[in-house]
C-alpha atoms as a PDB file:
ATOM      1  CA  UNK A   1     106.529 173.294 116.332  1.00  0.00           C
ATOM      2  CA  UNK A   2     104.441 170.617 118.028  1.00  0.00           C
ATOM      3  CA  UNK A   3     105.018 168.370 114.999  1.00  0.00           C
ATOM      4  CA  UNK A   4     108.753 168.464 115.698  1.00  0.00           C
ATOM      5  CA  UNK A   5     108.154 167.491 119.327  1.00  0.00           C
ATOM      6  CA  UNK A   6     106.003 164.600 118.136  1.00  0.00           C
ATOM      7  CA  UNK A   7     108.722 163.522 115.700  1.00  0.00           C
ATOM      8  CA  UNK A   8     111.349 163.722 118.450  1.00  0.00           C
ATOM      9  CA  UNK A   9     109.205 161.579 120.764  1.00  0.00           C
ATOM     10  CA  UNK A  10     108.671 158.979 118.051  1.00  0.00           C
ATOM     11  CA  UNK A  11     112.353 158.882 117.097  1.00  0.00           C
ATOM     12  CA  UNK A  12     113.174 158.481 120.811  1.00  0.00           C
ATOM     13  CA  UNK A  13     110.841 155.475 120.888  1.00  0.00           C
ATOM     14  CA  UNK A  14     112.651 154.022 117.876  1.00  0.00           C
ATOM     15  CA  UNK A  15     116.042 154.668 119.496  1.00  0.00           C
ATOM     16  CA  UNK A  16     114.929 152.896 122.661  1.00  0.00           C
ATOM     17  CA  UNK A  17     114.255 149.783 120.566  1.00  0.00           C
ATOM     18  CA  UNK A  18     117.680 149.691 118.883  1.00  0.00           C
ATOM     19  CA  UNK A  19     119.028 147.079 121.368  1.00  0.00           C
ATOM     20  CA  UNK A  20     116.076 144.809 120.555  1.00  0.00           C
ATOM     21  CA  UNK A  21     116.625 145.445 116.852  1.00  0.00           C
ATOM     22  CA  UNK A  22     120.279 144.427 117.134  1.00  0.00           C
ATOM     23  CA  UNK A  23     119.422 141.399 119.247  1.00  0.00           C
ATOM     24  CA  UNK A  24     116.600 140.062 117.077  1.00  0.00           C
ATOM     25  CA  UNK A  25     117.459 141.439 113.651  1.00  0.00           C
ATOM     26  CA  UNK A  26     114.020 143.085 113.404  1.00  0.00           C
ATOM     27  CA  UNK A  27     111.665 144.994 115.672  1.00  0.00           C
ATOM     28  CA  UNK A  28     108.162 146.169 114.799  1.00  0.00           C
ATOM     29  CA  UNK A  29     108.117 148.900 117.467  1.00  0.00           C
ATOM     30  CA  UNK A  30     111.347 150.341 116.030  1.00  0.00           C
ATOM     31  CA  UNK A  31     109.799 150.379 112.554  1.00  0.00           C
ATOM     32  CA  UNK A  32     106.610 151.975 113.904  1.00  0.00           C
ATOM     33  CA  UNK A  33     108.546 154.744 115.648  1.00  0.00           C
ATOM     34  CA  UNK A  34     110.776 155.338 112.613  1.00  0.00           C
ATOM     35  CA  UNK A  35     108.000 155.651 110.014  1.00  0.00           C
ATOM     36  CA  UNK A  36     105.630 157.600 112.262  1.00  0.00           C
ATOM     37  CA  UNK A  37     108.531 159.907 113.194  1.00  0.00           C
ATOM     38  CA  UNK A  38     109.292 160.585 109.522  1.00  0.00           C
ATOM     39  CA  UNK A  39     105.618 161.340 108.940  1.00  0.00           C
ATOM     40  CA  UNK A  40     105.486 163.771 111.876  1.00  0.00           C
ATOM     41  CA  UNK A  41     108.665 165.424 110.641  1.00  0.00           C
ATOM     42  CA  UNK A  42     107.101 166.074 107.226  1.00  0.00           C
ATOM     43  CA  UNK A  43     103.996 167.350 109.002  1.00  0.00           C
ATOM     44  CA  UNK A  44     106.002 170.385 110.104  1.00  0.00           C
ATOM     45  CA  UNK A  45     105.395 173.162 107.529  1.00  0.00           C
ATOM     46  CA  UNK A  46     109.011 174.321 107.506  1.00  0.00           C
ATOM     47  CA  UNK A  47     110.265 170.778 106.855  1.00  0.00           C
ATOM     48  CA  UNK A  48     107.539 170.161 104.280  1.00  0.00           C
ATOM     49  CA  UNK A  49     108.317 173.353 102.359  1.00  0.00           C
ATOM     50  CA  UNK A  50     112.028 172.560 102.440  1.00  0.00           C
ATOM     51  CA  UNK A  51     111.678 168.953 101.234  1.00  0.00           C
ATOM     52  CA  UNK A  52     108.893 169.075  98.649  1.00  0.00           C
ATOM     53  CA  UNK A  53     110.633 171.295  96.041  1.00  0.00           C
ATOM     54  CA  UNK A  54     113.484 168.790  95.851  1.00  0.00           C
ATOM     55  CA  UNK A  55     111.125 165.939  94.897  1.00  0.00           C
ATOM     56  CA  UNK A  56     109.044 167.680  92.272  1.00  0.00           C
ATOM     57  CA  UNK A  57     107.318 170.565  94.010  1.00  0.00           C
ATOM     58  CA  UNK A  58     103.887 168.988  93.503  1.00  0.00           C
ATOM     59  CA  UNK A  59     103.235 167.717  97.035  1.00  0.00           C
ATOM     60  CA  UNK A  60     104.898 164.324  96.673  1.00  0.00           C
ATOM     61  CA  UNK A  61     105.855 164.987 100.295  1.00  0.00           C
ATOM     62  CA  UNK A  62     102.148 164.768 101.139  1.00  0.00           C
ATOM     63  CA  UNK A  63     101.987 161.299  99.635  1.00  0.00           C
ATOM     64  CA  UNK A  64     105.113 160.301 101.573  1.00  0.00           C
ATOM     65  CA  UNK A  65     103.745 161.826 104.774  1.00  0.00           C
ATOM     66  CA  UNK A  66     100.529 159.823 104.566  1.00  0.00           C
ATOM     67  CA  UNK A  67     102.309 156.651 103.450  1.00  0.00           C
ATOM     68  CA  UNK A  68     104.820 156.844 106.291  1.00  0.00           C
ATOM     69  CA  UNK A  69     101.991 157.280 108.792  1.00  0.00           C
ATOM     70  CA  UNK A  70     100.064 154.323 107.375  1.00  0.00           C
ATOM     71  CA  UNK A  71     103.138 152.072 107.458  1.00  0.00           C
ATOM     72  CA  UNK A  72     104.019 153.247 110.981  1.00  0.00           C
ATOM     73  CA  UNK A  73     100.513 152.472 112.240  1.00  0.00           C
ATOM     74  CA  UNK A  74     100.654 149.075 110.554  1.00  0.00           C
ATOM     75  CA  UNK A  75     103.859 148.196 112.396  1.00  0.00           C
ATOM     76  CA  UNK A  76     102.437 149.528 115.665  1.00  0.00           C
ATOM     77  CA  UNK A  77      99.294 147.444 115.249  1.00  0.00           C
ATOM     78  CA  UNK A  78     101.388 144.380 114.445  1.00  0.00           C
ATOM     79  CA  UNK A  79     103.679 144.958 117.432  1.00  0.00           C
ATOM     80  CA  UNK A  80     100.826 145.338 119.919  1.00  0.00           C
ATOM     81  CA  UNK A  81      98.806 142.387 118.644  1.00  0.00           C
ATOM     82  CA  UNK A  82     101.875 140.123 118.603  1.00  0.00           C
ATOM     83  CA  UNK A  83     102.860 141.264 122.103  1.00  0.00           C
ATOM     84  CA  UNK A  84      99.564 140.808 123.929  1.00  0.00           C
ATOM     85  CA  UNK A  85      97.322 138.495 121.922  1.00  0.00           C
ATOM     86  CA  UNK A  86      97.710 134.740 122.540  1.00  0.00           C
ATOM     87  CA  UNK A  87      95.900 134.061 119.268  1.00  0.00           C
ATOM     88  CA  UNK A  88      98.380 133.743 116.403  1.00  0.00           C
ATOM     89  CA  UNK A  89      97.387 134.712 112.884  1.00  0.00           C
ATOM     90  CA  UNK A  90      98.049 131.714 110.625  1.00  0.00           C
ATOM     91  CA  UNK A  91      97.053 133.416 107.374  1.00  0.00           C
ATOM     92  CA  UNK A  92      99.645 133.848 104.581  1.00  0.00           C
ATOM     93  CA  UNK A  93     101.768 137.006 104.756  1.00  0.00           C
ATOM     94  CA  UNK A  94     100.187 138.551 101.649  1.00  0.00           C
ATOM     95  CA  UNK A  95      96.712 138.145 103.100  1.00  0.00           C
ATOM     96  CA  UNK A  96      97.693 139.594 106.483  1.00  0.00           C
ATOM     97  CA  UNK A  97      99.229 142.609 104.733  1.00  0.00           C
ATOM     98  CA  UNK A  98      96.315 143.125 102.363  1.00  0.00           C
ATOM     99  CA  UNK A  99      94.820 146.107 104.303  1.00  0.00           C
ATOM    100  CA  UNK A 100      98.213 147.845 104.219  1.00  0.00           C
ATOM    101  CA  UNK A 101      98.777 147.124 100.520  1.00  0.00           C
ATOM    102  CA  UNK A 102      95.283 148.212  99.480  1.00  0.00           C
ATOM    103  CA  UNK A 103      95.471 151.411 101.534  1.00  0.00           C
ATOM    104  CA  UNK A 104      98.802 152.441 100.028  1.00  0.00           C
ATOM    105  CA  UNK A 105      97.661 151.696  96.475  1.00  0.00           C
ATOM    106  CA  UNK A 106      94.265 153.371  96.826  1.00  0.00           C
ATOM    107  CA  UNK A 107      95.657 156.547  98.337  1.00  0.00           C
ATOM    108  CA  UNK A 108      98.333 156.721  95.592  1.00  0.00           C
ATOM    109  CA  UNK A 109      95.526 156.407  93.017  1.00  0.00           C
ATOM    110  CA  UNK A 110      93.499 159.194  94.644  1.00  0.00           C
ATOM    111  CA  UNK A 111      96.648 161.327  94.854  1.00  0.00           C
ATOM    112  CA  UNK A 112      97.149 161.008  91.083  1.00  0.00           C
ATOM    113  CA  UNK A 113      93.447 161.548  90.273  1.00  0.00           C
ATOM    114  CA  UNK A 114      93.377 164.697  92.397  1.00  0.00           C
ATOM    115  CA  UNK A 115      95.863 166.294  90.037  1.00  0.00           C
ATOM    116  CA  UNK A 116      99.118 167.959  90.928  1.00  0.00           C
ATOM    117  CA  UNK A 117      99.355 171.403  92.503  1.00  0.00           C
ATOM    118  CA  UNK A 118     102.277 173.601  93.615  1.00  0.00           C
ATOM    119  CA  UNK A 119     103.763 172.927  97.018  1.00  0.00           C
ATOM    120  CA  UNK A 120     101.378 173.789  99.845  1.00  0.00           C
ATOM    121  CA  UNK A 121     100.309 171.867 102.928  1.00  0.00           C
ATOM    122  CA  UNK A 122      96.721 172.952 102.136  1.00  0.00           C
ATOM    123  CA  UNK A 123      96.865 171.615  98.598  1.00  0.00           C
ATOM    124  CA  UNK A 124      93.592 169.701  98.946  1.00  0.00           C
ATOM    125  CA  UNK A 125      91.620 172.963  98.997  1.00  0.00           C
ATOM    126  CA  UNK A 126      93.411 174.350  95.950  1.00  0.00           C
ATOM    127  CA  UNK A 127      93.496 171.186  93.872  1.00  0.00           C
ATOM    128  CA  UNK A 128      91.872 170.645  90.493  1.00  0.00           C
ATOM    129  CA  UNK A 129      89.832 167.721  91.865  1.00  0.00           C
ATOM    130  CA  UNK A 130      89.071 168.416  95.522  1.00  0.00           C
ATOM    131  CA  UNK A 131      86.863 165.325  95.875  1.00  0.00           C
ATOM    132  CA  UNK A 132      89.752 162.976  95.093  1.00  0.00           C
ATOM    133  CA  UNK A 133      92.026 165.081  97.298  1.00  0.00           C
ATOM    134  CA  UNK A 134      89.643 164.575 100.215  1.00  0.00           C
ATOM    135  CA  UNK A 135      89.354 160.865  99.455  1.00  0.00           C
ATOM    136  CA  UNK A 136      93.159 160.717  99.463  1.00  0.00           C
ATOM    137  CA  UNK A 137      93.211 162.270 102.945  1.00  0.00           C
ATOM    138  CA  UNK A 138      90.401 160.030 104.179  1.00  0.00           C
ATOM    139  CA  UNK A 139      92.300 156.851 103.269  1.00  0.00           C
ATOM    140  CA  UNK A 140      94.938 157.684 105.856  1.00  0.00           C
ATOM    141  CA  UNK A 141      92.395 158.853 108.434  1.00  0.00           C
ATOM    142  CA  UNK A 142      90.310 155.696 108.071  1.00  0.00           C
ATOM    143  CA  UNK A 143      93.397 153.480 108.189  1.00  0.00           C
ATOM    144  CA  UNK A 144      94.607 155.177 111.380  1.00  0.00           C
ATOM    145  CA  UNK A 145      91.136 154.874 112.918  1.00  0.00           C
ATOM    146  CA  UNK A 146      90.908 151.183 111.940  1.00  0.00           C
ATOM    147  CA  UNK A 147      94.390 150.391 113.274  1.00  0.00           C
ATOM    148  CA  UNK A 148      93.800 152.376 116.467  1.00  0.00           C
ATOM    149  CA  UNK A 149      90.459 150.667 117.078  1.00  0.00           C
ATOM    150  CA  UNK A 150      92.061 147.234 116.668  1.00  0.00           C
ATOM    151  CA  UNK A 151      94.890 148.158 119.044  1.00  0.00           C
ATOM    152  CA  UNK A 152      92.426 149.537 121.610  1.00  0.00           C
ATOM    153  CA  UNK A 153      90.260 146.418 121.459  1.00  0.00           C
ATOM    154  CA  UNK A 154      93.263 144.089 121.718  1.00  0.00           C
ATOM    155  CA  UNK A 155      94.797 145.981 124.643  1.00  0.00           C
ATOM    156  CA  UNK A 156      91.688 146.157 126.787  1.00  0.00           C
ATOM    157  CA  UNK A 157      90.657 142.622 125.923  1.00  0.00           C
ATOM    158  CA  UNK A 158      93.887 141.141 127.270  1.00  0.00           C
ATOM    159  CA  UNK A 159      94.942 143.725 129.893  1.00  0.00           C
ATOM    160  CA  UNK A 160      93.352 141.757 132.800  1.00  0.00           C
ATOM    161  CA  UNK A 161      95.508 138.742 131.909  1.00  0.00           C
ATOM    162  CA  UNK A 162      98.805 140.659 131.878  1.00  0.00           C
ATOM    163  CA  UNK A 163     101.405 140.983 134.593  1.00  0.00           C
ATOM    164  CA  UNK A 164     101.830 144.377 136.220  1.00  0.00           C
ATOM    165  CA  UNK A 165     104.253 146.154 133.864  1.00  0.00           C
ATOM    166  CA  UNK A 166     102.393 144.938 130.762  1.00  0.00           C
ATOM    167  CA  UNK A 167      99.059 145.867 132.339  1.00  0.00           C
ATOM    168  CA  UNK A 168     100.186 149.441 133.004  1.00  0.00           C
ATOM    169  CA  UNK A 169     101.986 149.861 129.686  1.00  0.00           C
ATOM    170  CA  UNK A 170      99.291 148.491 127.414  1.00  0.00           C
ATOM    171  CA  UNK A 171      96.532 150.277 129.323  1.00  0.00           C
ATOM    172  CA  UNK A 172      98.329 153.487 128.329  1.00  0.00           C
ATOM    173  CA  UNK A 173      98.643 152.266 124.740  1.00  0.00           C
ATOM    174  CA  UNK A 174      94.949 151.373 124.629  1.00  0.00           C
ATOM    175  CA  UNK A 175      93.938 154.743 126.055  1.00  0.00           C
ATOM    176  CA  UNK A 176      96.160 156.558 123.559  1.00  0.00           C
ATOM    177  CA  UNK A 177      94.765 154.697 120.554  1.00  0.00           C
ATOM    178  CA  UNK A 178      91.186 155.192 121.786  1.00  0.00           C
ATOM    179  CA  UNK A 179      91.813 158.942 121.838  1.00  0.00           C
ATOM    180  CA  UNK A 180      93.326 158.592 118.365  1.00  0.00           C
ATOM    181  CA  UNK A 181      90.052 157.162 117.036  1.00  0.00           C
ATOM    182  CA  UNK A 182      88.240 160.283 118.291  1.00  0.00           C
ATOM    183  CA  UNK A 183      90.855 162.541 116.711  1.00  0.00           C
ATOM    184  CA  UNK A 184      90.502 160.763 113.359  1.00  0.00           C
ATOM    185  CA  UNK A 185      86.717 161.149 113.521  1.00  0.00           C
ATOM    186  CA  UNK A 186      87.093 164.904 114.008  1.00  0.00           C
ATOM    187  CA  UNK A 187      89.634 165.215 111.196  1.00  0.00           C
ATOM    188  CA  UNK A 188      87.333 163.223 108.889  1.00  0.00           C
ATOM    189  CA  UNK A 189      84.505 165.686 109.549  1.00  0.00           C
ATOM    190  CA  UNK A 190      86.902 168.539 108.822  1.00  0.00           C
ATOM    191  CA  UNK A 191      88.076 166.977 105.542  1.00  0.00           C
ATOM    192  CA  UNK A 192      84.556 166.189 104.328  1.00  0.00           C
ATOM    193  CA  UNK A 193      83.475 169.766 104.967  1.00  0.00           C
ATOM    194  CA  UNK A 194      85.988 170.943 102.347  1.00  0.00           C
ATOM    195  CA  UNK A 195      83.865 169.334  99.635  1.00  0.00           C
ATOM    196  CA  UNK A 196      80.471 168.786 101.213  1.00  0.00           C
ATOM    197  CA  UNK A 197      79.498 172.027 102.883  1.00  0.00           C
ATOM    198  CA  UNK A 198      76.480 170.391 104.475  1.00  0.00           C
ATOM    199  CA  UNK A 199      78.751 168.353 106.761  1.00  0.00           C
ATOM    200  CA  UNK A 200      78.377 170.000 110.146  1.00  0.00           C
ATOM    201  CA  UNK A 201      81.675 170.577 111.926  1.00  0.00           C
ATOM    202  CA  UNK A 202      79.928 171.746 115.098  1.00  0.00           C
ATOM    203  CA  UNK A 203      79.944 168.309 116.674  1.00  0.00           C
ATOM    204  CA  UNK A 204      80.807 167.728 120.364  1.00  0.00           C
ATOM    205  CA  UNK A 205      84.535 167.226 119.607  1.00  0.00           C
ATOM    206  CA  UNK A 206      84.997 170.271 117.391  1.00  0.00           C
ATOM    207  CA  UNK A 207      86.358 172.658 120.032  1.00  0.00           C
ATOM    208  CA  UNK A 208      88.960 170.336 121.534  1.00  0.00           C
ATOM    209  CA  UNK A 209      92.672 171.240 121.056  1.00  0.00           C
ATOM    210  CA  UNK A 210      93.457 168.314 118.795  1.00  0.00           C
ATOM    211  CA  UNK A 211      97.045 169.261 118.016  1.00  0.00           C
ATOM    212  CA  UNK A 212      97.853 169.039 121.716  1.00  0.00           C
ATOM    213  CA  UNK A 213      95.803 165.846 122.026  1.00  0.00           C
ATOM    214  CA  UNK A 214      97.830 164.264 119.219  1.00  0.00           C
ATOM    215  CA  UNK A 215     100.954 164.915 121.272  1.00  0.00           C
ATOM    216  CA  UNK A 216      99.292 163.308 124.297  1.00  0.00           C
ATOM    217  CA  UNK A 217      98.500 160.251 122.146  1.00  0.00           C
ATOM    218  CA  UNK A 218     102.132 159.963 121.052  1.00  0.00           C
ATOM    219  CA  UNK A 219     103.344 160.229 124.659  1.00  0.00           C
ATOM    220  CA  UNK A 220     100.807 157.687 125.954  1.00  0.00           C
ATOM    221  CA  UNK A 221     101.614 155.146 123.245  1.00  0.00           C
ATOM    222  CA  UNK A 222     105.376 155.746 123.371  1.00  0.00           C
ATOM    223  CA  UNK A 223     105.653 155.530 127.152  1.00  0.00           C
ATOM    224  CA  UNK A 224     103.218 152.614 127.264  1.00  0.00           C
ATOM    225  CA  UNK A 225     105.310 150.611 124.800  1.00  0.00           C
ATOM    226  CA  UNK A 226     108.488 151.462 126.714  1.00  0.00           C
ATOM    227  CA  UNK A 227     107.309 150.416 130.182  1.00  0.00           C
ATOM    228  CA  UNK A 228     107.243 146.596 129.635  1.00  0.00           C
ATOM    229  CA  UNK A 229     110.782 146.272 128.182  1.00  0.00           C
ATOM    230  CA  UNK A 230     112.223 148.686 130.768  1.00  0.00           C
ATOM    231  CA  UNK A 231     110.539 146.746 133.569  1.00  0.00           C
ATOM    232  CA  UNK A 232     111.788 143.508 132.011  1.00  0.00           C
ATOM    233  CA  UNK A 233     115.355 144.815 131.870  1.00  0.00           C
ATOM    234  CA  UNK A 234     115.173 145.873 135.517  1.00  0.00           C
ATOM    235  CA  UNK A 235     113.813 142.462 136.495  1.00  0.00           C
ATOM    236  CA  UNK A 236     116.598 140.716 134.560  1.00  0.00           C
ATOM    237  CA  UNK A 237     119.222 142.901 136.245  1.00  0.00           C
ATOM    238  CA  UNK A 238     117.803 142.095 139.679  1.00  0.00           C
ATOM    239  CA  UNK A 239     117.765 138.399 138.806  1.00  0.00           C
ATOM    240  CA  UNK A 240     121.338 138.592 137.509  1.00  0.00           C
ATOM    241  CA  UNK A 241     122.463 140.341 140.712  1.00  0.00           C
ATOM    242  CA  UNK A 242     120.709 137.688 142.780  1.00  0.00           C
ATOM    243  CA  UNK A 243     122.409 134.994 140.729  1.00  0.00           C
ATOM    244  CA  UNK A 244     125.824 136.585 141.291  1.00  0.00           C
ATOM    245  CA  UNK A 245     125.235 136.737 145.060  1.00  0.00           C
ATOM    246  CA  UNK A 246     124.152 133.097 145.060  1.00  0.00           C
ATOM    247  CA  UNK A 247     127.211 132.029 143.063  1.00  0.00           C
ATOM    248  CA  UNK A 248     129.486 133.915 145.463  1.00  0.00           C
ATOM    249  CA  UNK A 249     128.007 132.194 148.513  1.00  0.00           C
ATOM    250  CA  UNK A 250     127.873 128.748 146.889  1.00  0.00           C
ATOM    251  CA  UNK A 251     131.497 129.180 145.803  1.00  0.00           C
ATOM    252  CA  UNK A 252     132.523 129.671 149.455  1.00  0.00           C
ATOM    253  CA  UNK A 253     130.669 126.500 150.429  1.00  0.00           C
ATOM    254  CA  UNK A 254     132.247 124.702 147.482  1.00  0.00           C
ATOM    255  CA  UNK A 255     135.702 125.808 148.577  1.00  0.00           C
ATOM    256  CA  UNK A 256     135.181 124.325 152.039  1.00  0.00           C
ATOM    257  CA  UNK A 257     133.632 121.138 150.679  1.00  0.00           C
ATOM    258  CA  UNK A 258     136.413 120.536 148.129  1.00  0.00           C
ATOM    259  CA  UNK A 259     139.320 121.430 150.397  1.00  0.00           C
ATOM    260  CA  UNK A 260     140.355 117.770 150.695  1.00  0.00           C
ATOM    261  CA  UNK A 261     138.608 116.507 147.579  1.00  0.00           C
ATOM    262  CA  UNK A 262     140.789 114.828 144.898  1.00  0.00           C
ATOM    263  CA  UNK A 263     141.291 117.332 142.085  1.00  0.00           C
ATOM    264  CA  UNK A 264     140.924 114.663 139.407  1.00  0.00           C
ATOM    265  CA  UNK A 265     137.310 114.189 140.422  1.00  0.00           C
ATOM    266  CA  UNK A 266     136.450 117.877 139.953  1.00  0.00           C
ATOM    267  CA  UNK A 267     134.600 118.955 136.835  1.00  0.00           C
ATOM    268  CA  UNK A 268     136.632 120.742 134.190  1.00  0.00           C
ATOM    269  CA  UNK A 269     136.103 124.505 134.208  1.00  0.00           C
ATOM    270  CA  UNK A 270     134.359 125.814 131.097  1.00  0.00           C
ATOM    271  CA  UNK A 271     135.439 129.392 130.466  1.00  0.00           C
ATOM    272  CA  UNK A 272     132.479 129.949 128.127  1.00  0.00           C
ATOM    273  CA  UNK A 273     129.866 128.680 130.570  1.00  0.00           C
ATOM    274  CA  UNK A 274     126.990 130.947 131.532  1.00  0.00           C
ATOM    275  CA  UNK A 275     126.418 132.007 135.130  1.00  0.00           C
ATOM    276  CA  UNK A 276     123.579 129.473 135.428  1.00  0.00           C
ATOM    277  CA  UNK A 277     125.821 126.692 134.140  1.00  0.00           C
ATOM    278  CA  UNK A 278     128.613 127.650 136.552  1.00  0.00           C
ATOM    279  CA  UNK A 279     126.168 127.596 139.465  1.00  0.00           C
ATOM    280  CA  UNK A 280     124.855 124.200 138.416  1.00  0.00           C
ATOM    281  CA  UNK A 281     128.421 122.873 138.113  1.00  0.00           C
ATOM    282  CA  UNK A 282     129.309 124.097 141.596  1.00  0.00           C
ATOM    283  CA  UNK A 283     126.170 122.521 143.088  1.00  0.00           C
ATOM    284  CA  UNK A 284     127.038 119.186 141.459  1.00  0.00           C
ATOM    285  CA  UNK A 285     130.619 119.379 142.799  1.00  0.00           C
ATOM    286  CA  UNK A 286     129.453 120.143 146.327  1.00  0.00           C
ATOM    287  CA  UNK A 287     127.009 117.245 146.454  1.00  0.00           C
ATOM    288  CA  UNK A 288     129.516 114.960 144.759  1.00  0.00           C
ATOM    289  CA  UNK A 289     132.077 115.767 147.453  1.00  0.00           C
ATOM    290  CA  UNK A 290     129.489 115.215 150.171  1.00  0.00           C
ATOM    291  CA  UNK A 291     128.498 111.865 148.665  1.00  0.00           C
ATOM    292  CA  UNK A 292     132.143 110.802 148.339  1.00  0.00           C
ATOM    293  CA  UNK A 293     132.757 111.634 151.997  1.00  0.00           C
ATOM    294  CA  UNK A 294     129.695 109.636 153.066  1.00  0.00           C
ATOM    295  CA  UNK A 295     130.636 106.551 151.033  1.00  0.00           C
ATOM    296  CA  UNK A 296     134.197 106.627 152.318  1.00  0.00           C
ATOM    297  CA  UNK A 297     132.937 106.001 155.826  1.00  0.00           C
ATOM    298  CA  UNK A 298     133.756 109.444 157.177  1.00  0.00           C
ATOM    299  CA  UNK A 299     131.612 110.104 160.273  1.00  0.00           C
ATOM    300  CA  UNK A 300     131.583 113.884 159.679  1.00  0.00           C
ATOM    301  CA  UNK A 301     129.742 115.728 156.936  1.00  0.00           C
ATOM    302  CA  UNK A 302     131.755 118.144 154.792  1.00  0.00           C
ATOM    303  CA  UNK A 303     128.919 120.638 155.084  1.00  0.00           C
ATOM    304  CA  UNK A 304     127.688 122.431 158.140  1.00  0.00           C
ATOM    305  CA  UNK A 305     123.969 122.381 158.833  1.00  0.00           C
ATOM    306  CA  UNK A 306     123.755 125.993 157.676  1.00  0.00           C
ATOM    307  CA  UNK A 307     125.606 125.179 154.431  1.00  0.00           C
ATOM    308  CA  UNK A 308     123.438 122.147 153.761  1.00  0.00           C
ATOM    309  CA  UNK A 309     120.228 124.116 154.353  1.00  0.00           C
ATOM    310  CA  UNK A 310     121.404 126.864 152.013  1.00  0.00           C
ATOM    311  CA  UNK A 311     122.323 124.401 149.258  1.00  0.00           C
ATOM    312  CA  UNK A 312     118.924 122.741 149.541  1.00  0.00           C
ATOM    313  CA  UNK A 313     117.282 126.191 149.389  1.00  0.00           C
ATOM    314  CA  UNK A 314     119.209 127.067 146.226  1.00  0.00           C
ATOM    315  CA  UNK A 315     118.216 123.825 144.572  1.00  0.00           C
ATOM    316  CA  UNK A 316     114.591 124.194 145.548  1.00  0.00           C
ATOM    317  CA  UNK A 317     113.949 127.884 145.042  1.00  0.00           C
ATOM    318  CA  UNK A 318     116.468 129.282 142.590  1.00  0.00           C
ATOM    319  CA  UNK A 319     115.206 129.542 139.032  1.00  0.00           C
ATOM    320  CA  UNK A 320     118.266 128.876 136.891  1.00  0.00           C
ATOM    321  CA  UNK A 321     116.460 130.003 133.737  1.00  0.00           C
ATOM    322  CA  UNK A 322     115.147 133.378 134.885  1.00  0.00           C
ATOM    323  CA  UNK A 323     117.994 135.499 133.473  1.00  0.00           C
ATOM    324  CA  UNK A 324     118.119 133.808 130.069  1.00  0.00           C
END
């Protein structure tokens, strides 16, 4: 049952990234959540037993399960490194993806060499060639450990340089992937013991509840990846609300300043203008009216001292690009 909870958490992560996917046309976190969710879904025995007979009944689902997990971890690694590392990878795409390509091909080779067995989630123990079956399992475990180690190193290397929401979020991601490395080490010992009986499973991590820990890892990574965009959305909403309040107040000042201003000198209203552009237009109109009054010889300013101080404050302190 815990596998279904893990799948639900991962699909929820993917769903949370749908707006970014629609906005950008692609999103690595969405892809990570989708593929890892599919892998966790197949990890459930009842789902596995229901799916595998329809695709041959020889544990093709096991190959899909491992492949989905490898691809999901690849996208997660890519998403984290791109998000927090200032160092851009300039290598060709095929070279950057070489670890992913090799891992998928090698595990498919080991899957075929292990021989096919009837549907069972414990097929490695019952296979004709248990050594290749273990090597097949180890490809995924090593890939997850390698990806998790890279994510952990990247997160904790750049966490001190991040702003608050990124620092909290990626600290959680780094902690989750560090725990994942330990889990993969334990599972590797377990897999090796199936073939090499001399491998001692009584290591310090052997008695930990790893199924529950895997769920903790998913929650840490999922929540950690969600915190920065949620915090960013909240910040953008606050900035947008601040912009609206500023526009409302500047519009009142503009109305007073342009009360006797010739309409032919006013800027044409652009219905498609952004809020920042409308604010900029109103500021220009206010100062233009003030300048026109001064050059006409009028002894009185169109703006009160309070209005003038507020307009100067808006010009000096308001960041017109913060909600873009």
